[in-house]
Amino acid sequence: MKTRWNLIIPIWFATAFLAIAVMVAIPGKALTWFGAILAGSVALVSLIHLIKASPTGFVKELIYVGGGAYLILAALSLYLFLGV
């Protein structure tokens, strides 16, 4: 089974972009929005698979997107907590 990196990597970039945009726009509420961004990244993978009506690789892509988005948001949360 081939992993579709051309689907996963743009979602990671979108997650990072949205998280940084939220940190700049409303830094006091950034951590609240991080949960919505993470949920949105997982929902996007689900929506893509629903539209293409193919379950092939669905769980693997959910794990990669969710795990990568979680790591991105965890790193940015650490940045906020440390106040760098």
N, C-alpha and C. Protein backbone atom coordinates (compact mmCIF):
# COMPACT_ATOMS: atom_id res chain seq x y z
N MET A 1 0.84 -1.17 0.00
CA MET A 1 0.00 0.00 0.00
C MET A 1 0.89 1.24 0.00
N LYS A 2 0.60 2.13 -0.92
CA LYS A 2 1.43 3.30 -1.10
C LYS A 2 0.84 4.48 -0.32
N THR A 3 1.67 5.16 0.43
CA THR A 3 1.23 6.34 1.16
C THR A 3 1.17 7.52 0.21
N ARG A 4 0.10 8.27 0.30
CA ARG A 4 -0.08 9.42 -0.60
C ARG A 4 0.48 10.67 0.06
N TRP A 5 1.77 10.84 -0.08
CA TRP A 5 2.43 12.00 0.54
C TRP A 5 1.98 13.31 -0.08
N ASN A 6 1.52 13.27 -1.34
CA ASN A 6 1.04 14.49 -1.98
C ASN A 6 -0.27 14.98 -1.36
N LEU A 7 -0.92 14.18 -0.57
CA LEU A 7 -2.09 14.59 0.20
C LEU A 7 -1.69 15.01 1.61
N ILE A 8 -0.77 14.31 2.20
CA ILE A 8 -0.43 14.50 3.61
C ILE A 8 0.39 15.78 3.83
N ILE A 9 1.40 16.00 3.05
CA ILE A 9 2.31 17.14 3.26
C ILE A 9 1.60 18.49 3.10
N PRO A 10 0.73 18.69 2.10
CA PRO A 10 0.01 19.98 2.05
C PRO A 10 -0.88 20.22 3.27
N ILE A 11 -1.44 19.16 3.83
CA ILE A 11 -2.25 19.34 5.04
C ILE A 11 -1.36 19.75 6.21
N TRP A 12 -0.15 19.20 6.28
CA TRP A 12 0.78 19.63 7.33
C TRP A 12 1.14 21.10 7.17
N PHE A 13 1.40 21.52 5.92
CA PHE A 13 1.73 22.93 5.68
C PHE A 13 0.54 23.83 6.03
N ALA A 14 -0.65 23.40 5.69
CA ALA A 14 -1.85 24.19 6.02
C ALA A 14 -2.02 24.28 7.53
N THR A 15 -1.74 23.20 8.24
CA THR A 15 -1.82 23.20 9.70
C THR A 15 -0.83 24.20 10.28
N ALA A 16 0.40 24.16 9.81
CA ALA A 16 1.42 25.08 10.32
C ALA A 16 1.06 26.52 9.98
N PHE A 17 0.60 26.76 8.76
CA PHE A 17 0.23 28.12 8.35
C PHE A 17 -0.91 28.66 9.20
N LEU A 18 -1.95 27.86 9.38
CA LEU A 18 -3.10 28.31 10.18
C LEU A 18 -2.70 28.55 11.64
N ALA A 19 -1.87 27.67 12.18
CA ALA A 19 -1.45 27.83 13.58
C ALA A 19 -0.63 29.10 13.76
N ILE A 20 0.28 29.37 12.85
CA ILE A 20 1.09 30.59 12.96
C ILE A 20 0.22 31.83 12.75
N ALA A 21 -0.75 31.74 11.83
CA ALA A 21 -1.66 32.87 11.62
C ALA A 21 -2.48 33.16 12.88
N VAL A 22 -2.93 32.12 13.55
CA VAL A 22 -3.69 32.29 14.80
C VAL A 22 -2.79 32.86 15.89
N MET A 23 -1.54 32.39 15.95
CA MET A 23 -0.62 32.90 16.96
C MET A 23 -0.36 34.39 16.77
N VAL A 24 -0.31 34.85 15.53
CA VAL A 24 -0.06 36.26 15.24
C VAL A 24 -1.33 37.09 15.48
N ALA A 25 -2.47 36.57 15.02
CA ALA A 25 -3.72 37.34 15.08
C ALA A 25 -4.29 37.42 16.49
N ILE A 26 -4.39 36.29 17.17
CA ILE A 26 -4.98 36.26 18.52
C ILE A 26 -4.14 35.36 19.44
N PRO A 27 -3.00 35.87 19.87
CA PRO A 27 -2.10 35.02 20.67
C PRO A 27 -2.70 34.53 21.99
N GLY A 28 -3.62 35.28 22.56
CA GLY A 28 -4.23 34.86 23.82
C GLY A 28 -5.15 33.66 23.70
N LYS A 29 -5.68 33.44 22.52
CA LYS A 29 -6.61 32.33 22.29
C LYS A 29 -6.02 31.26 21.38
N ALA A 30 -4.74 31.33 21.12
CA ALA A 30 -4.11 30.41 20.16
C ALA A 30 -4.27 28.95 20.57
N LEU A 31 -4.07 28.65 21.84
CA LEU A 31 -4.15 27.26 22.27
C LEU A 31 -5.56 26.71 22.12
N THR A 32 -6.55 27.56 22.27
CA THR A 32 -7.93 27.14 22.05
C THR A 32 -8.16 26.78 20.59
N TRP A 33 -7.62 27.57 19.70
CA TRP A 33 -7.78 27.33 18.27
C TRP A 33 -6.97 26.14 17.78
N PHE A 34 -5.90 25.79 18.48
CA PHE A 34 -5.07 24.67 18.05
C PHE A 34 -5.88 23.37 18.00
N GLY A 35 -6.78 23.18 18.93
CA GLY A 35 -7.63 21.99 18.93
C GLY A 35 -8.52 21.94 17.70
N ALA A 36 -9.06 23.10 17.32
CA ALA A 36 -9.91 23.17 16.13
C ALA A 36 -9.09 22.91 14.87
N ILE A 37 -7.87 23.40 14.83
CA ILE A 37 -7.01 23.17 13.67
C ILE A 37 -6.67 21.69 13.54
N LEU A 38 -6.37 21.04 14.66
CA LEU A 38 -6.07 19.61 14.64
C LEU A 38 -7.28 18.81 14.17
N ALA A 39 -8.45 19.14 14.70
CA ALA A 39 -9.67 18.44 14.28
C ALA A 39 -9.95 18.68 12.81
N GLY A 40 -9.69 19.89 12.34
CA GLY A 40 -9.91 20.20 10.93
C GLY A 40 -9.01 19.43 10.00
N SER A 41 -7.77 19.20 10.42
CA SER A 41 -6.85 18.45 9.56
C SER A 41 -7.30 17.00 9.42
N VAL A 42 -7.77 16.41 10.52
CA VAL A 42 -8.26 15.03 10.46
C VAL A 42 -9.57 14.97 9.67
N ALA A 43 -10.44 15.96 9.86
CA ALA A 43 -11.70 15.99 9.13
C ALA A 43 -11.46 16.16 7.63
N LEU A 44 -10.44 16.89 7.25
CA LEU A 44 -10.13 17.09 5.84
C LEU A 44 -9.76 15.77 5.17
N VAL A 45 -8.98 14.95 5.85
CA VAL A 45 -8.63 13.64 5.29
C VAL A 45 -9.90 12.79 5.14
N SER A 46 -10.76 12.83 6.14
CA SER A 46 -12.01 12.08 6.07
C SER A 46 -12.87 12.56 4.91
N LEU A 47 -12.95 13.87 4.72
CA LEU A 47 -13.75 14.44 3.64
C LEU A 47 -13.19 14.04 2.27
N ILE A 48 -11.89 14.06 2.13
CA ILE A 48 -11.27 13.67 0.86
C ILE A 48 -11.58 12.21 0.54
N HIS A 49 -11.51 11.34 1.54
CA HIS A 49 -11.81 9.93 1.31
C HIS A 49 -13.30 9.72 1.06
N LEU A 50 -14.14 10.54 1.66
CA LEU A 50 -15.58 10.43 1.42
C LEU A 50 -15.91 10.83 -0.01
N ILE A 51 -15.27 11.89 -0.49
CA ILE A 51 -15.53 12.36 -1.85
C ILE A 51 -15.03 11.35 -2.89
N LYS A 52 -13.85 10.80 -2.67
CA LYS A 52 -13.32 9.86 -3.67
C LYS A 52 -13.86 8.45 -3.48
N ALA A 53 -14.60 8.21 -2.39
CA ALA A 53 -15.27 6.93 -2.13
C ALA A 53 -14.32 5.74 -2.22
N SER A 54 -13.16 5.90 -1.62
CA SER A 54 -12.18 4.81 -1.61
C SER A 54 -11.55 4.71 -0.22
N PRO A 55 -11.72 3.57 0.44
CA PRO A 55 -11.16 3.42 1.78
C PRO A 55 -9.68 3.04 1.80
N THR A 56 -9.07 2.88 0.65
CA THR A 56 -7.68 2.43 0.57
C THR A 56 -6.74 3.42 1.25
N GLY A 57 -6.02 2.96 2.26
CA GLY A 57 -5.03 3.78 2.95
C GLY A 57 -5.61 4.82 3.88
N PHE A 58 -6.89 4.74 4.17
CA PHE A 58 -7.57 5.75 4.98
C PHE A 58 -6.98 5.87 6.38
N VAL A 59 -6.84 4.75 7.07
CA VAL A 59 -6.34 4.78 8.45
C VAL A 59 -4.89 5.24 8.50
N LYS A 60 -4.08 4.78 7.57
CA LYS A 60 -2.68 5.19 7.54
C LYS A 60 -2.56 6.70 7.33
N GLU A 61 -3.37 7.25 6.42
CA GLU A 61 -3.32 8.69 6.17
C GLU A 61 -3.85 9.48 7.36
N LEU A 62 -4.87 8.96 8.03
CA LEU A 62 -5.36 9.62 9.25
C LEU A 62 -4.28 9.67 10.32
N ILE A 63 -3.55 8.58 10.47
CA ILE A 63 -2.49 8.52 11.48
C ILE A 63 -1.36 9.49 11.13
N TYR A 64 -0.94 9.51 9.87
CA TYR A 64 0.13 10.42 9.46
C TYR A 64 -0.28 11.88 9.59
N VAL A 65 -1.47 12.21 9.11
CA VAL A 65 -1.92 13.60 9.18
C VAL A 65 -2.14 14.01 10.62
N GLY A 66 -2.84 13.19 11.39
CA GLY A 66 -3.09 13.52 12.79
C GLY A 66 -1.81 13.60 13.60
N GLY A 67 -0.91 12.65 13.41
CA GLY A 67 0.35 12.66 14.14
C GLY A 67 1.23 13.83 13.78
N GLY A 68 1.33 14.12 12.49
CA GLY A 68 2.15 15.25 12.06
C GLY A 68 1.58 16.58 12.52
N ALA A 69 0.26 16.72 12.41
CA ALA A 69 -0.39 17.96 12.86
C ALA A 69 -0.22 18.12 14.37
N TYR A 70 -0.34 17.01 15.10
CA TYR A 70 -0.16 17.05 16.55
C TYR A 70 1.26 17.51 16.91
N LEU A 71 2.26 17.00 16.22
CA LEU A 71 3.64 17.39 16.49
C LEU A 71 3.88 18.87 16.16
N ILE A 72 3.32 19.33 15.04
CA ILE A 72 3.45 20.74 14.67
C ILE A 72 2.83 21.63 15.74
N LEU A 73 1.62 21.29 16.16
CA LEU A 73 0.92 22.10 17.16
C LEU A 73 1.57 21.98 18.54
N ALA A 74 2.14 20.83 18.85
CA ALA A 74 2.84 20.69 20.13
C ALA A 74 4.09 21.57 20.16
N ALA A 75 4.81 21.61 19.05
CA ALA A 75 6.01 22.46 18.99
C ALA A 75 5.64 23.93 19.11
N LEU A 76 4.56 24.34 18.44
CA LEU A 76 4.13 25.74 18.53
C LEU A 76 3.56 26.07 19.91
N SER A 77 2.93 25.10 20.56
CA SER A 77 2.45 25.31 21.92
C SER A 77 3.63 25.50 22.88
N LEU A 78 4.66 24.71 22.70
CA LEU A 78 5.87 24.86 23.51
C LEU A 78 6.47 26.24 23.30
N TYR A 79 6.48 26.69 22.07
CA TYR A 79 6.97 28.03 21.74
C TYR A 79 6.16 29.09 22.50
N LEU A 80 4.83 28.92 22.54
CA LEU A 80 3.99 29.87 23.27
C LEU A 80 4.23 29.80 24.77
N PHE A 81 4.36 28.60 25.32
CA PHE A 81 4.58 28.45 26.76
C PHE A 81 5.92 29.04 27.20
N LEU A 82 6.94 28.86 26.38
CA LEU A 82 8.25 29.36 26.75
C LEU A 82 8.39 30.86 26.48
N GLY A 83 7.51 31.38 25.63
CA GLY A 83 7.54 32.81 25.33
C GLY A 83 8.80 33.25 24.60
N VAL A 84 9.27 32.38 23.73
CA VAL A 84 10.50 32.66 22.99
C VAL A 84 10.34 33.82 22.05
